[in-house]
Protein backbone atom coordinates (compact mmCIF):
# COMPACT_ATOMS: atom_id res chain seq x y z
CA UNK A 1 0.00 0.00 0.00
CA UNK A 2 1.33 3.43 -1.01
CA UNK A 3 -0.15 6.83 -0.23
CA UNK A 4 0.29 10.02 -2.28
CA UNK A 5 -0.85 13.62 -2.10
CA UNK A 6 -2.69 14.43 -5.32
CA UNK A 7 -4.34 17.20 -7.27
CA UNK A 8 -4.72 20.75 -6.07
CA UNK A 9 -2.42 20.55 -3.07
CA UNK A 10 0.47 19.47 -5.32
CA UNK A 11 -0.34 22.12 -7.91
CA UNK A 12 -0.55 24.85 -5.28
CA UNK A 13 2.73 23.80 -3.67
CA UNK A 14 4.49 24.17 -7.03
CA UNK A 15 2.86 27.58 -7.48
CA UNK A 16 3.94 28.67 -4.00
CA UNK A 17 0.34 29.01 -2.86
CA UNK A 18 -1.40 27.86 0.28
CA UNK A 19 -3.95 25.10 -0.24
CA UNK A 20 -7.09 24.85 1.86
CA UNK A 21 -7.55 21.12 1.35
CA UNK A 22 -5.25 18.12 1.04
CA UNK A 23 -6.44 15.11 -0.95
CA UNK A 24 -4.76 11.74 -0.86
CA UNK A 25 -4.88 8.68 -3.08
CA UNK A 26 -4.15 5.18 -1.81
CA UNK A 27 -2.64 2.68 -4.25
CA UNK A 28 -2.62 -1.08 -3.71
CA UNK A 29 -5.10 -1.20 -0.83
CA UNK A 30 -8.56 -2.65 -0.36
CA UNK A 31 -11.53 -1.15 1.49
CA UNK A 32 -11.11 -3.78 4.19
CA UNK A 33 -7.51 -2.74 4.82
CA UNK A 34 -8.43 0.91 5.27
CA UNK A 35 -11.34 0.10 7.56
CA UNK A 36 -9.06 -2.10 9.65
CA UNK A 37 -6.70 0.86 10.06
CA UNK A 38 -9.52 2.99 11.46
CA UNK A 39 -10.47 4.94 8.31
CA UNK A 40 -14.17 5.77 7.99
CA UNK A 41 -15.88 5.44 4.61
CA UNK A 42 -17.81 8.53 3.48
CA UNK A 43 -17.97 8.27 -0.31
CA UNK A 44 -21.24 7.00 -1.75
CA UNK A 45 -20.37 7.04 -5.45
CA UNK A 46 -16.79 5.78 -5.03
CA UNK A 47 -14.61 4.68 -2.07
CA UNK A 48 -13.45 7.73 -0.11
CA UNK A 49 -12.34 7.47 3.51
CA UNK A 50 -11.58 9.89 6.33
CA UNK A 51 -8.27 9.53 8.16
CA UNK A 52 -8.89 8.57 11.82
CA UNK A 53 -6.75 11.45 13.16
CA UNK A 54 -6.57 14.22 10.54
CA UNK A 55 -10.03 13.60 9.00
CA UNK A 56 -8.56 14.38 5.58
CA UNK A 57 -9.97 12.51 2.58
CA UNK A 58 -8.22 9.42 1.28
CA UNK A 59 -9.53 7.84 -1.93
CA UNK A 60 -8.63 4.47 -3.36
CA UNK A 61 -6.92 4.79 -6.73
CA UNK A 62 -9.55 4.28 -9.41
CA UNK A 63 -10.33 4.47 -13.09
CA UNK A 64 -13.61 5.71 -14.55
CA UNK A 65 -15.63 4.83 -17.62
CA UNK A 66 -18.54 6.77 -19.10
CA UNK A 67 -21.77 4.78 -19.04
CA UNK A 68 -24.51 7.41 -19.21
CA UNK A 69 -25.09 11.10 -19.78
CA UNK A 70 -24.15 14.08 -17.68
CA UNK A 71 -21.43 14.52 -15.11
CA UNK A 72 -22.54 11.53 -12.99
CA UNK A 73 -22.88 8.90 -15.70
CA UNK A 74 -19.73 6.95 -14.75
CA UNK A 75 -18.76 3.55 -13.44
CA UNK A 76 -15.45 3.04 -11.67
CA UNK A 77 -12.85 0.42 -10.87
CA UNK A 78 -11.11 0.85 -7.51
CA UNK A 79 -9.39 -2.51 -7.35
CA UNK A 80 -5.91 -2.95 -5.88
CA UNK A 81 -4.53 -3.34 -9.41
CA UNK A 82 -5.22 0.31 -10.35
CA UNK A 83 -1.93 2.19 -10.59
CA UNK A 84 -1.18 5.79 -9.64
CA UNK A 85 -0.60 6.71 -13.29
CA UNK A 86 -3.98 5.23 -14.24
CA UNK A 87 -5.67 7.17 -11.44
CA UNK A 88 -4.04 10.44 -12.52
CA UNK A 89 -5.14 9.83 -16.12
CA UNK A 90 -8.82 10.32 -15.20
CA UNK A 91 -8.23 13.87 -13.95
CA UNK A 92 -9.29 16.91 -15.94
CA UNK A 93 -6.11 18.96 -16.46
CA UNK A 94 -2.41 18.16 -16.48
CA UNK A 95 -1.81 20.70 -13.71
CA UNK A 96 -4.21 18.68 -11.53
CA UNK A 97 -2.78 15.29 -12.53
CA UNK A 98 0.34 15.32 -10.37
CA UNK A 99 1.12 13.46 -7.16
CA UNK A 100 3.66 13.76 -4.35
CA UNK A 101 5.06 10.75 -2.53
CA UNK A 102 6.03 10.47 1.14
CA UNK A 103 9.56 11.74 0.37
CA UNK A 104 8.24 14.87 -1.33
CA UNK A 105 9.05 13.71 -4.85
CA UNK A 106 6.68 14.85 -7.61
CA UNK A 107 5.16 12.23 -9.89
CA UNK A 108 4.16 13.97 -13.10
CA UNK A 109 3.37 11.55 -15.94
CA UNK A 110 1.36 14.03 -18.04
CA UNK A 111 3.47 17.20 -18.08
CA UNK A 112 1.72 19.21 -15.40
CA UNK A 113 4.89 21.01 -14.32
CA UNK A 114 5.59 22.02 -17.91
CA UNK A 115 2.10 23.46 -18.29
CA UNK A 116 2.28 25.24 -14.94
CA UNK A 117 5.49 26.96 -16.03
CA UNK A 118 3.96 27.92 -19.39
CA UNK A 119 0.64 29.07 -17.92
CA UNK A 120 -1.41 26.59 -19.95
CA UNK A 121 -4.58 24.65 -19.09
CA UNK A 122 -4.42 21.35 -20.98
CA UNK A 123 -6.55 18.23 -20.78
CA UNK A 124 -4.94 14.95 -19.73
CA UNK A 125 -6.60 12.53 -22.17
CA UNK A 126 -9.41 12.51 -24.72
CA UNK A 127 -11.68 11.21 -21.94
CA UNK A 128 -11.93 14.89 -20.97
CA UNK A 129 -15.07 15.09 -23.14
CA UNK A 130 -16.92 12.59 -20.96
CA UNK A 131 -17.66 15.09 -18.19
CA UNK A 132 -19.51 18.30 -19.19
CA UNK A 133 -18.68 19.94 -15.85
CA UNK A 134 -15.08 20.16 -17.02
CA UNK A 135 -15.97 22.99 -19.38
CA UNK A 136 -16.89 25.16 -16.40
CA UNK A 137 -13.95 23.90 -14.35
CA UNK A 138 -11.45 24.88 -17.04
CA UNK A 139 -12.99 28.35 -17.21
CA UNK A 140 -12.82 28.61 -13.42
CA UNK A 141 -9.16 27.62 -13.35
CA UNK A 142 -8.53 30.30 -15.97
CA UNK A 143 -10.23 32.76 -13.60
CA UNK A 144 -8.08 31.55 -10.71
CA UNK A 145 -4.70 31.40 -12.42
CA UNK A 146 -5.04 33.67 -15.45
CA UNK A 147 -3.79 30.83 -17.67
CA UNK A 148 -4.60 30.31 -21.35
CA UNK A 149 -6.44 27.22 -22.59
CA UNK A 150 -4.55 24.93 -24.96
CA UNK A 151 -6.16 25.07 -28.44
CA UNK A 152 -6.75 21.32 -28.50
CA UNK A 153 -8.45 21.52 -25.09
CA UNK A 154 -10.68 24.34 -26.30
CA UNK A 155 -11.62 22.12 -29.25
CA UNK A 156 -12.72 19.38 -26.85
CA UNK A 157 -14.70 21.95 -24.86
CA UNK A 158 -16.51 22.94 -28.06
CA UNK A 159 -17.24 19.27 -28.69
CA UNK A 160 -18.88 19.01 -25.27
CA UNK A 161 -20.93 22.15 -25.93
CA UNK A 162 -22.08 20.85 -29.31
CA UNK A 163 -23.12 17.54 -27.73
CA UNK A 164 -25.70 19.38 -25.63
CA UNK A 165 -24.44 17.76 -22.42
CA UNK A 166 -24.06 21.10 -20.64
CA UNK A 167 -27.85 21.02 -20.35
CA UNK A 168 -27.52 18.01 -18.03
CA UNK A 169 -25.69 20.03 -15.38
CA UNK A 170 -27.87 20.89 -12.37
CA UNK A 171 -28.29 24.64 -11.81
CA UNK A 172 -26.57 24.31 -8.44
CA UNK A 173 -23.37 23.05 -10.09
CA UNK A 174 -23.39 25.87 -12.64
CA UNK A 175 -23.92 28.38 -9.84
CA UNK A 176 -21.14 26.89 -7.74
CA UNK A 177 -18.62 27.26 -10.56
CA UNK A 178 -19.78 30.79 -11.39
CA UNK A 179 -19.70 31.92 -7.77
CA UNK A 180 -16.20 30.55 -7.26
CA UNK A 181 -14.95 32.04 -10.54
CA UNK A 182 -16.27 35.50 -9.68
CA UNK A 183 -14.30 35.41 -6.44
CA UNK A 184 -10.99 34.70 -8.20
CA UNK A 185 -8.24 37.11 -9.32
CA UNK A 186 -9.11 36.94 -13.03
CA UNK A 187 -12.92 36.64 -13.17
CA UNK A 188 -13.13 38.05 -16.69
CA UNK A 189 -11.20 35.00 -17.91
CA UNK A 190 -14.16 32.82 -16.88
CA UNK A 191 -16.36 34.73 -19.32
CA UNK A 192 -13.72 34.80 -22.05
CA UNK A 193 -13.02 31.07 -21.89
CA UNK A 194 -16.70 30.14 -21.86
CA UNK A 195 -17.30 32.42 -24.83
CA UNK A 196 -14.34 31.05 -26.79
CA UNK A 197 -15.70 27.52 -26.39
CA UNK A 198 -19.32 28.45 -27.14
CA UNK A 199 -20.36 27.53 -23.60
CA UNK A 200 -21.35 31.03 -22.50
CA UNK A 201 -24.40 30.91 -24.74
CA UNK A 202 -25.37 27.61 -23.13
CA UNK A 203 -25.07 28.62 -19.47
CA UNK A 204 -25.46 32.43 -19.52
CA UNK A 205 -27.08 33.32 -22.86
CA UNK A 206 -28.16 36.74 -21.57
CA UNK A 207 -24.51 37.65 -20.91
CA UNK A 208 -23.29 36.14 -24.18
CA UNK A 209 -25.83 38.27 -26.06
CA UNK A 210 -24.08 41.47 -24.87
CA UNK A 211 -21.08 40.86 -27.11
CA UNK A 212 -21.40 42.78 -30.36
CA UNK A 213 -24.08 45.17 -29.05
CA UNK A 214 -22.98 48.82 -29.53
CA UNK A 215 -23.24 51.68 -27.03
CA UNK A 216 -22.82 55.46 -27.47
CA UNK A 217 -19.10 56.20 -27.83
CA UNK A 218 -19.35 59.38 -25.73
CA UNK A 219 -20.27 57.29 -22.70
CA UNK A 220 -18.50 54.07 -23.68
CA UNK A 221 -15.28 54.54 -25.68
CA UNK A 222 -15.00 50.74 -25.82
CA UNK A 223 -18.42 50.77 -27.59
CA UNK A 224 -19.12 47.02 -27.32
CA UNK A 225 -21.30 45.98 -24.36
CA UNK A 226 -19.33 42.76 -23.94
CA UNK A 227 -16.02 44.63 -23.87
CA UNK A 228 -17.46 46.90 -21.18
CA UNK A 229 -18.49 43.87 -19.13
CA UNK A 230 -14.95 42.45 -19.20
CA UNK A 231 -13.52 45.83 -18.17
CA UNK A 232 -15.91 46.05 -15.23
CA UNK A 233 -14.86 42.60 -14.01
CA UNK A 234 -11.26 43.82 -14.05
CA UNK A 235 -12.33 46.79 -11.96
CA UNK A 236 -14.02 44.42 -9.50
CA UNK A 237 -10.63 42.92 -8.73
CA UNK A 238 -8.85 46.25 -8.61
CA UNK A 239 -11.39 47.58 -6.11
CA UNK A 240 -11.54 44.35 -4.07
CA UNK A 241 -15.28 43.95 -4.58
CA UNK A 242 -16.92 41.08 -2.74
CA UNK A 243 -18.54 38.37 -4.84
CA UNK A 244 -22.10 39.66 -4.40
CA UNK A 245 -20.99 42.95 -5.96
CA UNK A 246 -19.15 41.09 -8.72
CA UNK A 247 -22.29 39.16 -9.56
CA UNK A 248 -24.32 42.38 -9.68
CA UNK A 249 -21.70 43.92 -11.98
CA UNK A 250 -21.85 40.85 -14.22
CA UNK A 251 -25.59 41.39 -14.76
CA UNK A 252 -25.91 45.17 -14.50
CA UNK A 253 -26.30 45.76 -18.26
CA UNK A 254 -27.98 42.53 -19.43
CA UNK A 255 -31.02 44.53 -20.51
CA UNK A 256 -29.00 46.15 -23.30
CA UNK A 257 -28.99 42.92 -25.29
CA UNK A 258 -32.76 43.31 -25.75
CA UNK A 259 -32.67 46.90 -27.03
CA UNK A 260 -34.51 47.12 -30.39
CA UNK A 261 -32.16 47.64 -33.33
CA UNK A 262 -33.89 50.90 -34.21
CA UNK A 263 -32.83 52.45 -30.88
CA UNK A 264 -29.15 51.48 -31.04
CA UNK A 265 -26.63 52.58 -29.96
CA UNK A 266 -28.85 54.09 -27.26
CA UNK A 267 -30.43 51.86 -24.64
CA UNK A 268 -33.38 53.75 -23.22
CA UNK A 269 -35.26 51.57 -20.74
CA UNK A 270 -32.58 48.92 -20.40
CA UNK A 271 -32.44 49.27 -16.60
CA UNK A 272 -35.92 47.91 -15.92
CA UNK A 273 -35.52 45.25 -18.59
CA UNK A 274 -32.20 44.29 -17.02
CA UNK A 275 -33.72 44.05 -13.55
CA UNK A 276 -36.28 41.53 -14.81
CA UNK A 277 -33.56 39.54 -16.54
CA UNK A 278 -31.37 39.60 -13.43
CA UNK A 279 -34.30 38.22 -11.45
CA UNK A 280 -34.89 35.46 -14.00
CA UNK A 281 -31.22 34.52 -14.31
CA UNK A 282 -30.84 34.36 -10.54
CA UNK A 283 -33.91 32.15 -10.23
CA UNK A 284 -32.64 29.83 -12.96
CA UNK A 285 -29.22 29.51 -11.33
CA UNK A 286 -30.79 29.28 -7.86
CA UNK A 287 -28.50 32.04 -6.68
CA UNK A 288 -28.69 32.88 -2.96
CA UNK A 289 -31.03 35.70 -1.99
CA UNK A 290 -28.27 38.20 -1.22
CA UNK A 291 -26.84 37.82 -4.73
CA UNK A 292 -30.24 38.05 -6.38
CA UNK A 293 -31.39 41.12 -4.47
CA UNK A 294 -28.22 43.10 -5.08
CA UNK A 295 -28.12 42.21 -8.78
CA UNK A 296 -31.72 43.31 -9.29
CA UNK A 297 -31.22 46.58 -7.41
CA UNK A 298 -28.06 47.48 -9.32
CA UNK A 299 -29.60 46.62 -12.69
CA UNK A 300 -32.73 48.66 -11.91
CA UNK A 301 -31.17 51.73 -10.31
CA UNK A 302 -27.60 52.18 -11.63
CA UNK A 303 -28.59 54.80 -14.20
CA UNK A 304 -30.45 56.86 -11.60
CA UNK A 305 -27.46 56.60 -9.24
CA UNK A 306 -25.24 57.93 -12.05
CA UNK A 307 -27.57 60.95 -12.30
CA UNK A 308 -27.52 61.71 -8.57
CA UNK A 309 -25.92 65.13 -9.08
CA UNK A 310 -28.88 66.35 -11.12
CA UNK A 311 -31.74 64.84 -9.10
CA UNK A 312 -34.22 67.05 -7.26
CA UNK A 313 -34.57 66.49 -3.50
CA UNK A 314 -37.75 64.47 -3.97
CA UNK A 315 -36.05 62.32 -6.61
CA UNK A 316 -33.08 61.78 -4.31
CA UNK A 317 -35.43 60.59 -1.60
CA UNK A 318 -37.22 58.26 -4.02
CA UNK A 319 -33.86 56.76 -5.01
CA UNK A 320 -32.70 56.25 -1.43
CA UNK A 321 -36.01 54.63 -0.55
CA UNK A 322 -35.88 52.45 -3.65
CA UNK A 323 -32.42 51.27 -2.59
CA UNK A 324 -33.65 50.71 0.98
CA UNK A 325 -30.60 52.71 2.05
CA UNK A 326 -31.91 53.64 5.50
CA UNK A 327 -32.47 50.04 6.56
CA UNK A 328 -29.62 48.43 4.62
CA UNK A 329 -26.66 50.87 4.71
CA UNK A 330 -24.05 48.16 4.08
CA UNK A 331 -25.85 46.96 0.97
CA UNK A 332 -26.23 50.60 -0.08
CA UNK A 333 -22.42 50.87 -0.06
CA UNK A 334 -22.23 47.73 -2.21
CA UNK A 335 -24.58 49.36 -4.71
CA UNK A 336 -22.44 52.50 -4.83
CA UNK A 337 -19.34 50.38 -5.41
CA UNK A 338 -21.04 48.50 -8.26
CA UNK A 339 -22.00 51.82 -9.84
CA UNK A 340 -18.45 53.16 -9.46
CA UNK A 341 -17.17 49.99 -11.15
CA UNK A 342 -19.63 50.55 -14.01
CA UNK A 343 -18.24 54.05 -14.57
CA UNK A 344 -14.55 53.12 -14.27
CA UNK A 345 -14.96 49.95 -16.34
CA UNK A 346 -14.72 51.99 -19.52
CA UNK A 347 -11.81 52.40 -21.88
CA UNK A 348 -9.54 55.18 -20.65
CA UNK A 349 -11.77 56.05 -17.67
CA UNK A 350 -10.30 53.72 -15.08
CA UNK A 351 -9.52 56.69 -12.78
CA UNK A 352 -12.77 58.60 -13.31
CA UNK A 353 -14.08 60.37 -10.18
CA UNK A 354 -17.50 59.45 -8.88
CA UNK A 355 -18.92 62.36 -6.85
CA UNK A 356 -22.38 60.82 -7.14
CA UNK A 357 -21.45 58.45 -4.33
CA UNK A 358 -20.53 61.34 -2.03
CA UNK A 359 -23.75 63.14 -2.90
CA UNK A 360 -25.84 60.10 -2.01
CA UNK A 361 -23.93 59.45 1.21
CA UNK A 362 -24.49 63.08 2.19
CA UNK A 363 -28.19 62.77 1.40
CA UNK A 364 -28.52 59.59 3.44
CA UNK A 365 -26.68 61.13 6.39
CA UNK A 366 -28.93 64.19 6.23
CA UNK A 367 -32.23 62.32 6.35
CA UNK A 368 -30.90 60.19 9.20
CA UNK A 369 -30.89 63.35 11.33
CA UNK A 370 -34.67 63.61 11.18
CA UNK A 371 -36.32 63.42 14.60
CA UNK A 372 -38.96 60.79 13.86
CA UNK A 373 -40.34 60.60 17.45
CA UNK A 374 -41.05 64.34 17.35
CA UNK A 375 -43.05 63.93 14.15
CA UNK A 376 -44.94 60.99 15.63
CA UNK A 377 -45.92 63.20 18.57
CA UNK A 378 -47.17 65.93 16.22
CA UNK A 379 -49.12 63.82 13.75
CA UNK A 380 -51.64 61.03 14.08
CA UNK A 381 -50.69 57.64 12.77
CA UNK A 382 -51.47 56.81 9.16
CA UNK A 383 -51.07 58.70 5.93
CA UNK A 384 -50.64 62.08 7.63
CA UNK A 385 -47.58 60.85 9.52
CA UNK A 386 -46.16 59.24 6.40
CA UNK A 387 -46.61 62.48 4.44
CA UNK A 388 -45.07 64.52 7.25
CA UNK A 389 -41.98 62.32 7.32
CA UNK A 390 -41.60 62.56 3.55
CA UNK A 391 -41.96 66.35 3.51
CA UNK A 392 -39.48 66.71 6.35
CA UNK A 393 -36.94 64.51 4.59
CA UNK A 394 -37.31 66.46 1.36
CA UNK A 395 -36.75 69.69 3.29
CA UNK A 396 -33.54 68.26 4.74
CA UNK A 397 -32.35 67.16 1.31
CA UNK A 398 -32.99 70.61 -0.08
CA UNK A 399 -30.28 71.83 2.30
CA UNK A 400 -27.83 69.14 1.16
CA UNK A 401 -25.61 70.85 -1.38
CA UNK A 402 -23.62 69.06 -4.07
CA UNK A 403 -20.16 68.14 -2.81
CA UNK A 404 -18.59 68.38 -6.26
CA UNK A 405 -19.42 69.41 -9.78
CA UNK A 406 -19.38 66.74 -12.47
CA UNK A 407 -20.80 66.21 -15.92
CA UNK A 408 -23.80 63.95 -16.05
CA UNK A 409 -22.71 60.36 -16.64
CA UNK A 410 -25.29 57.94 -17.97
CA UNK A 411 -25.87 54.63 -19.68
């Protein structure tokens, strides 16, 4: 019986990165041997065991063979005759198909170290096409590492897309890969790789449809809606946006893909259209509520936020109430960050100021000073009290002067 570290922990060690998990493969052992040593079996689909002291996962070396459709249609052989090299062959990418023995020596039968050094994501064998989830995994590793995809691997990804097997992936798996990719250092690479392979149209058709749609050059020097999206994802990293904000940024302009041709390059009304699409996309992906709510709010209100410097006091109040800024100040800051990213995610405008955020923070701070108990004492409950609070807030906002002058920024 021999035991090896495998997969991500080996890859991350070679990259000089910390690894959250450590996976092990056991060669030449039987389930009975591991159970006798105190390991506890936890794998239902294939034999995986928890170490009695460390509780890390140990899997028997195995081979897999496609027997059905989707990412679960496999049968496996975990007999004692399965070698380490055979086990590594079933893995998705060469950079994940390396092992480390007890002496710290790297076993690399498929060129993973070479591809790590070259910054290339390459499949191990032609069996890559048997698992549709690998299309999303390759894109996620591109988002994590910034690597390029080998042309022959991209060809296999296109083959998977054309087979229609991406449709067999449960929404939860698609969401999991998207969420993880958005939280990486190169999230725009996730979109680029999916688009290059044709998979973006299969999993996020509303986002794919943005590419090739024009915008007014005075607001968007990059012109193309898809190019703008990629620039905003770069800004997400630069500004250390959390993943809920990154998701909202991903969907903030999806409504532009539905603009009638006769209205292009303008996109009047895209905000409300985009909010409905963001709601539908989030429901389809089964995104958590926090992601869904922020994405819908940003899609619906980002244009009005951009116009904050020109809003009347009553319009400012309507906006703050629409954003639920009084009750959810932390989410309000996330919305402002998403809007800043929208503005700076434009060609040559990466350093653009955003005084709209200061104006809205000032407005929120001003209406927070209102003495609500005093108004309650003066007015009976009901519509009269509600009107009194609104009028008092508008009066306070009338006193809130602009903190900076700026041209109106829209779209």
